[in-house]
Amino acid sequence: MTNTYLVRHGETAWSLSGQHTGLTDLPLTERGEQNARNLGARLSGLIFTAVFTSPLRRALRTCELAGFGATAQVDRDLVEWNYGAYEGRRSAEIRAERPGWCLFRDGCPGGEDPTAIAIRADRVISRLRSLDGNILVFSSAHLLRVLAARWLELDAAGGAYFLLGTASISRLGYESDRPVISLWNDTSTQPQSH
């Protein structure tokens, strides 16, 4: 049975501040790098038949620090949502100008709409479903949330219901022949706050 492990990149300055980070190619913070290293320990013992990563530095570096850089294939469909005019802005700022705005329903002016990101997610899912064994995917939060929604055959808007922390691990799989989420947003690789 195929299992697809989804890994959100480690912390960046903008993920920490809550700014939408689409195509801005930010590095990981020091804590983000440490959490990426911790992912390697969490994933050790699993055998992956394929590893895919977004080409953006935050995902690539997370993949490398977790110990999978040498085998990873870059997949441009795994790039984060293009936020267009909303790049670098916080949701609260956007809603002050556009009350009720929801990324997963409304998209971004000058960027991607939900249909465009769903098409990219569907291409990734098609490739994943053609493979056997465990598969590992490194990307960013909103793309992975849409990927999970589309895995379950929901509209892209369904991604709004799946929160995803930095350096988290999730797993998509099957129950019989029905697509399911068998693990979501596991951040146990991160030090716990007291």
C-alpha atoms as a PDB file:
ATOM      1  CA  MET A   1       0.000   0.000   0.000  1.00  0.00           C
ATOM      2  CA  THR A   2       1.333   3.405  -0.964  1.00  0.00           C
ATOM      3  CA  ASN A   3       1.792   6.041   1.738  1.00  0.00           C
ATOM      4  CA  THR A   4       2.729   9.604   0.864  1.00  0.00           C
ATOM      5  CA  TYR A   5       4.475  11.542   3.608  1.00  0.00           C
ATOM      6  CA  LEU A   6       4.080  15.317   3.365  1.00  0.00           C
ATOM      7  CA  VAL A   7       6.655  17.530   5.056  1.00  0.00           C
ATOM      8  CA  ARG A   8       6.173  21.252   5.445  1.00  0.00           C
ATOM      9  CA  HIS A   9       9.442  23.176   5.393  1.00  0.00           C
ATOM     10  CA  GLY A  10      11.054  24.458   8.583  1.00  0.00           C
ATOM     11  CA  GLU A  11      10.440  27.879  10.063  1.00  0.00           C
ATOM     12  CA  THR A  12      11.296  31.048   8.107  1.00  0.00           C
ATOM     13  CA  ALA A  13      11.138  34.664   9.267  1.00  0.00           C
ATOM     14  CA  TRP A  14       7.828  35.095   7.426  1.00  0.00           C
ATOM     15  CA  SER A  15       6.225  31.871   8.658  1.00  0.00           C
ATOM     16  CA  LEU A  16       7.077  33.119  12.147  1.00  0.00           C
ATOM     17  CA  SER A  17       5.544  36.566  11.486  1.00  0.00           C
ATOM     18  CA  GLY A  18       2.495  35.176   9.654  1.00  0.00           C
ATOM     19  CA  GLN A  19       3.309  36.789   6.302  1.00  0.00           C
ATOM     20  CA  HIS A  20       2.176  34.969   3.165  1.00  0.00           C
ATOM     21  CA  THR A  21       5.301  33.512   1.576  1.00  0.00           C
ATOM     22  CA  GLY A  22       4.669  32.292  -1.933  1.00  0.00           C
ATOM     23  CA  LEU A  23       7.488  32.784  -4.397  1.00  0.00           C
ATOM     24  CA  THR A  24       9.752  34.875  -2.125  1.00  0.00           C
ATOM     25  CA  ASP A  25      12.690  32.525  -1.642  1.00  0.00           C
ATOM     26  CA  LEU A  26      13.452  32.896   2.073  1.00  0.00           C
ATOM     27  CA  PRO A  27      15.993  30.832   4.005  1.00  0.00           C
ATOM     28  CA  LEU A  28      15.174  28.861   7.128  1.00  0.00           C
ATOM     29  CA  THR A  29      15.736  30.435  10.519  1.00  0.00           C
ATOM     30  CA  GLU A  30      18.241  28.797  12.862  1.00  0.00           C
ATOM     31  CA  ARG A  31      15.364  27.055  14.655  1.00  0.00           C
ATOM     32  CA  GLY A  32      13.940  26.059  11.252  1.00  0.00           C
ATOM     33  CA  GLU A  33      17.247  24.408  10.370  1.00  0.00           C
ATOM     34  CA  GLN A  34      17.339  22.509  13.669  1.00  0.00           C
ATOM     35  CA  ASN A  35      13.764  21.312  13.243  1.00  0.00           C
ATOM     36  CA  ALA A  36      14.603  20.178   9.703  1.00  0.00           C
ATOM     37  CA  ARG A  37      17.477  18.104  11.095  1.00  0.00           C
ATOM     38  CA  ASN A  38      15.082  16.625  13.667  1.00  0.00           C
ATOM     39  CA  LEU A  39      12.800  15.524  10.822  1.00  0.00           C
ATOM     40  CA  GLY A  40      15.538  13.181   9.655  1.00  0.00           C
ATOM     41  CA  ALA A  41      15.450  11.327  12.977  1.00  0.00           C
ATOM     42  CA  ARG A  42      11.641  11.150  12.853  1.00  0.00           C
ATOM     43  CA  LEU A  43      11.702   9.695   9.334  1.00  0.00           C
ATOM     44  CA  SER A  44      14.619   7.316   9.932  1.00  0.00           C
ATOM     45  CA  GLY A  45      13.792   3.679   9.426  1.00  0.00           C
ATOM     46  CA  LEU A  46      11.321   4.406   6.641  1.00  0.00           C
ATOM     47  CA  ILE A  47      12.267   3.415   3.098  1.00  0.00           C
ATOM     48  CA  PHE A  48      11.144   5.838   0.385  1.00  0.00           C
ATOM     49  CA  THR A  49      10.843   4.765  -3.227  1.00  0.00           C
ATOM     50  CA  ALA A  50      10.709   8.416  -4.318  1.00  0.00           C
ATOM     51  CA  VAL A  51      11.403  11.827  -2.776  1.00  0.00           C
ATOM     52  CA  PHE A  52      10.088  15.067  -4.276  1.00  0.00           C
ATOM     53  CA  THR A  53      10.703  18.668  -3.272  1.00  0.00           C
ATOM     54  CA  SER A  54       9.644  22.143  -4.209  1.00  0.00           C
ATOM     55  CA  PRO A  55      12.493  24.090  -5.847  1.00  0.00           C
ATOM     56  CA  LEU A  56      12.148  26.902  -3.288  1.00  0.00           C
ATOM     57  CA  ARG A  57      15.080  27.197  -0.884  1.00  0.00           C
ATOM     58  CA  ARG A  58      13.035  26.648   2.291  1.00  0.00           C
ATOM     59  CA  ALA A  59      11.766  23.249   1.085  1.00  0.00           C
ATOM     60  CA  LEU A  60      15.036  22.212  -0.555  1.00  0.00           C
ATOM     61  CA  ARG A  61      17.022  23.033   2.590  1.00  0.00           C
ATOM     62  CA  THR A  62      14.547  21.194   4.805  1.00  0.00           C
ATOM     63  CA  CYS A  63      14.870  18.181   2.505  1.00  0.00           C
ATOM     64  CA  GLU A  64      18.679  18.354   2.621  1.00  0.00           C
ATOM     65  CA  LEU A  65      18.908  18.783   6.407  1.00  0.00           C
ATOM     66  CA  ALA A  66      16.472  15.895   6.933  1.00  0.00           C
ATOM     67  CA  GLY A  67      18.909  13.746   4.930  1.00  0.00           C
ATOM     68  CA  PHE A  68      17.048  13.320   1.642  1.00  0.00           C
ATOM     69  CA  GLY A  69      18.707  15.903  -0.621  1.00  0.00           C
ATOM     70  CA  ALA A  70      20.793  13.373  -2.545  1.00  0.00           C
ATOM     71  CA  THR A  71      17.758  11.393  -3.722  1.00  0.00           C
ATOM     72  CA  ALA A  72      15.185  14.173  -4.087  1.00  0.00           C
ATOM     73  CA  GLN A  73      13.696  15.166  -7.426  1.00  0.00           C
ATOM     74  CA  VAL A  74      12.670  18.804  -7.823  1.00  0.00           C
ATOM     75  CA  ASP A  75       9.034  19.177  -8.862  1.00  0.00           C
ATOM     76  CA  ARG A  76       7.905  22.674  -9.904  1.00  0.00           C
ATOM     77  CA  ASP A  77       4.278  21.729  -9.207  1.00  0.00           C
ATOM     78  CA  LEU A  78       5.217  21.691  -5.497  1.00  0.00           C
ATOM     79  CA  VAL A  79       5.952  25.450  -5.423  1.00  0.00           C
ATOM     80  CA  GLU A  80       3.855  27.326  -2.867  1.00  0.00           C
ATOM     81  CA  TRP A  81       0.721  29.243  -3.879  1.00  0.00           C
ATOM     82  CA  ASN A  82       1.521  32.371  -5.897  1.00  0.00           C
ATOM     83  CA  TYR A  83       0.072  35.126  -3.684  1.00  0.00           C
ATOM     84  CA  GLY A  84       0.507  37.880  -6.274  1.00  0.00           C
ATOM     85  CA  ALA A  85      -0.407  41.241  -4.695  1.00  0.00           C
ATOM     86  CA  TYR A  86      -0.769  39.554  -1.291  1.00  0.00           C
ATOM     87  CA  GLU A  87       2.840  38.307  -1.149  1.00  0.00           C
ATOM     88  CA  GLY A  88       4.427  39.266   2.163  1.00  0.00           C
ATOM     89  CA  ARG A  89       1.128  40.425   3.684  1.00  0.00           C
ATOM     90  CA  ARG A  90      -0.720  38.989   6.673  1.00  0.00           C
ATOM     91  CA  SER A  91      -4.279  37.676   6.402  1.00  0.00           C
ATOM     92  CA  ALA A  92      -5.591  40.262   8.903  1.00  0.00           C
ATOM     93  CA  GLU A  93      -4.197  43.104   6.755  1.00  0.00           C
ATOM     94  CA  ILE A  94      -5.831  41.672   3.651  1.00  0.00           C
ATOM     95  CA  ARG A  95      -9.184  41.193   5.408  1.00  0.00           C
ATOM     96  CA  ALA A  96      -9.096  44.817   6.605  1.00  0.00           C
ATOM     97  CA  GLU A  97      -9.254  45.797   2.909  1.00  0.00           C
ATOM     98  CA  ARG A  98     -11.296  42.812   1.723  1.00  0.00           C
ATOM     99  CA  PRO A  99     -13.604  41.580   4.506  1.00  0.00           C
ATOM    100  CA  GLY A 100     -14.343  37.866   4.419  1.00  0.00           C
ATOM    101  CA  TRP A 101     -11.389  37.049   2.153  1.00  0.00           C
ATOM    102  CA  CYS A 102     -10.361  33.382   2.224  1.00  0.00           C
ATOM    103  CA  LEU A 103      -7.291  32.308   0.256  1.00  0.00           C
ATOM    104  CA  PHE A 104      -8.685  28.849  -0.473  1.00  0.00           C
ATOM    105  CA  ARG A 105     -11.927  30.250  -1.885  1.00  0.00           C
ATOM    106  CA  ASP A 106     -10.861  33.616  -3.356  1.00  0.00           C
ATOM    107  CA  GLY A 107      -7.223  33.259  -4.410  1.00  0.00           C
ATOM    108  CA  CYS A 108      -5.027  36.316  -4.884  1.00  0.00           C
ATOM    109  CA  PRO A 109      -5.092  39.235  -7.335  1.00  0.00           C
ATOM    110  CA  GLY A 110      -2.141  38.926  -9.682  1.00  0.00           C
ATOM    111  CA  GLY A 111      -1.471  35.431  -8.343  1.00  0.00           C
ATOM    112  CA  GLU A 112      -3.132  32.032  -8.433  1.00  0.00           C
ATOM    113  CA  ASP A 113      -6.783  31.262  -7.966  1.00  0.00           C
ATOM    114  CA  PRO A 114      -7.991  28.024  -6.312  1.00  0.00           C
ATOM    115  CA  THR A 115      -8.568  26.352  -9.684  1.00  0.00           C
ATOM    116  CA  ALA A 116      -4.948  26.901 -10.763  1.00  0.00           C
ATOM    117  CA  ILE A 117      -3.469  25.474  -7.567  1.00  0.00           C
ATOM    118  CA  ALA A 118      -5.919  22.542  -7.657  1.00  0.00           C
ATOM    119  CA  ILE A 119      -4.700  21.709 -11.170  1.00  0.00           C
ATOM    120  CA  ARG A 120      -1.100  21.659  -9.917  1.00  0.00           C
ATOM    121  CA  ALA A 121      -2.082  19.513  -6.918  1.00  0.00           C
ATOM    122  CA  ASP A 122      -3.934  17.099  -9.207  1.00  0.00           C
ATOM    123  CA  ARG A 123      -0.820  16.677 -11.376  1.00  0.00           C
ATOM    124  CA  VAL A 124       1.221  15.850  -8.257  1.00  0.00           C
ATOM    125  CA  ILE A 125      -1.414  13.368  -7.070  1.00  0.00           C
ATOM    126  CA  SER A 126      -1.474  11.687 -10.462  1.00  0.00           C
ATOM    127  CA  ARG A 127       2.311  11.170 -10.267  1.00  0.00           C
ATOM    128  CA  LEU A 128       2.110   9.959  -6.652  1.00  0.00           C
ATOM    129  CA  ARG A 129      -0.608   7.437  -7.433  1.00  0.00           C
ATOM    130  CA  SER A 130       1.479   5.968 -10.257  1.00  0.00           C
ATOM    131  CA  LEU A 131       4.190   4.936  -7.751  1.00  0.00           C
ATOM    132  CA  ASP A 132       4.437   2.126  -5.226  1.00  0.00           C
ATOM    133  CA  GLY A 133       5.861   2.177  -1.715  1.00  0.00           C
ATOM    134  CA  ASN A 134       6.450   5.120   0.594  1.00  0.00           C
ATOM    135  CA  ILE A 135       6.839   8.524  -1.044  1.00  0.00           C
ATOM    136  CA  LEU A 136       8.196  11.672   0.607  1.00  0.00           C
ATOM    137  CA  VAL A 137       7.187  15.206  -0.427  1.00  0.00           C
ATOM    138  CA  PHE A 138       8.689  18.517   0.830  1.00  0.00           C
ATOM    139  CA  SER A 139       6.760  21.718   0.182  1.00  0.00           C
ATOM    140  CA  SER A 140       4.916  24.642   1.778  1.00  0.00           C
ATOM    141  CA  ALA A 141       1.749  24.879   3.869  1.00  0.00           C
ATOM    142  CA  HIS A 142      -0.935  26.097   1.496  1.00  0.00           C
ATOM    143  CA  LEU A 143       0.110  23.887  -1.412  1.00  0.00           C
ATOM    144  CA  LEU A 144       0.189  20.854   0.922  1.00  0.00           C
ATOM    145  CA  ARG A 145      -3.213  21.752   2.368  1.00  0.00           C
ATOM    146  CA  VAL A 146      -4.722  21.866  -1.127  1.00  0.00           C
ATOM    147  CA  LEU A 147      -2.915  18.618  -1.976  1.00  0.00           C
ATOM    148  CA  ALA A 148      -4.585  16.950   1.025  1.00  0.00           C
ATOM    149  CA  ALA A 149      -7.999  18.297   0.047  1.00  0.00           C
ATOM    150  CA  ARG A 150      -7.613  17.095  -3.537  1.00  0.00           C
ATOM    151  CA  TRP A 151      -6.321  13.700  -2.281  1.00  0.00           C
ATOM    152  CA  LEU A 152      -9.690  13.365  -0.539  1.00  0.00           C
ATOM    153  CA  GLU A 153     -11.446  14.523  -3.737  1.00  0.00           C
ATOM    154  CA  LEU A 154     -12.529  17.814  -2.125  1.00  0.00           C
ATOM    155  CA  ASP A 155     -12.366  21.202  -3.818  1.00  0.00           C
ATOM    156  CA  ALA A 156      -9.275  23.314  -3.162  1.00  0.00           C
ATOM    157  CA  ALA A 157     -11.402  25.296  -0.694  1.00  0.00           C
ATOM    158  CA  GLY A 158     -11.303  22.237   1.580  1.00  0.00           C
ATOM    159  CA  GLY A 159      -7.655  23.033   2.279  1.00  0.00           C
ATOM    160  CA  ALA A 160      -8.849  25.830   4.572  1.00  0.00           C
ATOM    161  CA  TYR A 161      -9.721  23.188   7.187  1.00  0.00           C
ATOM    162  CA  PHE A 162      -6.252  21.606   7.446  1.00  0.00           C
ATOM    163  CA  LEU A 163      -3.843  23.612   9.608  1.00  0.00           C
ATOM    164  CA  LEU A 164      -0.196  22.782   9.072  1.00  0.00           C
ATOM    165  CA  GLY A 165       2.741  23.817  11.266  1.00  0.00           C
ATOM    166  CA  THR A 166       6.312  24.253  10.140  1.00  0.00           C
ATOM    167  CA  ALA A 167       8.508  21.129  10.077  1.00  0.00           C
ATOM    168  CA  SER A 168       5.405  18.969  10.346  1.00  0.00           C
ATOM    169  CA  ILE A 169       4.834  15.495   8.959  1.00  0.00           C
ATOM    170  CA  SER A 170       1.533  14.289   7.530  1.00  0.00           C
ATOM    171  CA  ARG A 171       0.644  11.065   5.734  1.00  0.00           C
ATOM    172  CA  LEU A 172      -1.812  10.386   2.936  1.00  0.00           C
ATOM    173  CA  GLY A 173      -2.841   6.809   2.363  1.00  0.00           C
ATOM    174  CA  TYR A 174      -5.768   4.514   1.780  1.00  0.00           C
ATOM    175  CA  GLU A 175      -8.357   2.614   3.755  1.00  0.00           C
ATOM    176  CA  SER A 176      -9.195  -0.252   1.425  1.00  0.00           C
ATOM    177  CA  ASP A 177      -9.294   1.680  -1.852  1.00  0.00           C
ATOM    178  CA  ARG A 178     -10.576   4.982  -0.394  1.00  0.00           C
ATOM    179  CA  PRO A 179      -8.074   7.876  -0.050  1.00  0.00           C
ATOM    180  CA  VAL A 180      -7.616   8.977   3.587  1.00  0.00           C
ATOM    181  CA  ILE A 181      -5.401  11.150   5.759  1.00  0.00           C
ATOM    182  CA  SER A 182      -3.756   8.745   8.194  1.00  0.00           C
ATOM    183  CA  LEU A 183      -1.588  11.344  10.000  1.00  0.00           C
ATOM    184  CA  TRP A 184      -1.824  15.128  10.032  1.00  0.00           C
ATOM    185  CA  ASN A 185       0.385  17.960  11.290  1.00  0.00           C
ATOM    186  CA  ASP A 186       2.702  15.895  13.492  1.00  0.00           C
ATOM    187  CA  THR A 187       5.162  18.398  14.924  1.00  0.00           C
ATOM    188  CA  SER A 188       6.655  16.014  17.502  1.00  0.00           C
ATOM    189  CA  THR A 189      10.097  16.629  15.969  1.00  0.00           C
ATOM    190  CA  GLN A 190      10.048  20.137  17.443  1.00  0.00           C
ATOM    191  CA  PRO A 191      11.013  20.983  21.009  1.00  0.00           C
ATOM    192  CA  GLN A 192       7.895  21.468  23.121  1.00  0.00           C
ATOM    193  CA  SER A 193       7.148  24.875  24.651  1.00  0.00           C
ATOM    194  CA  HIS A 194       6.625  25.003  28.417  1.00  0.00           C
END
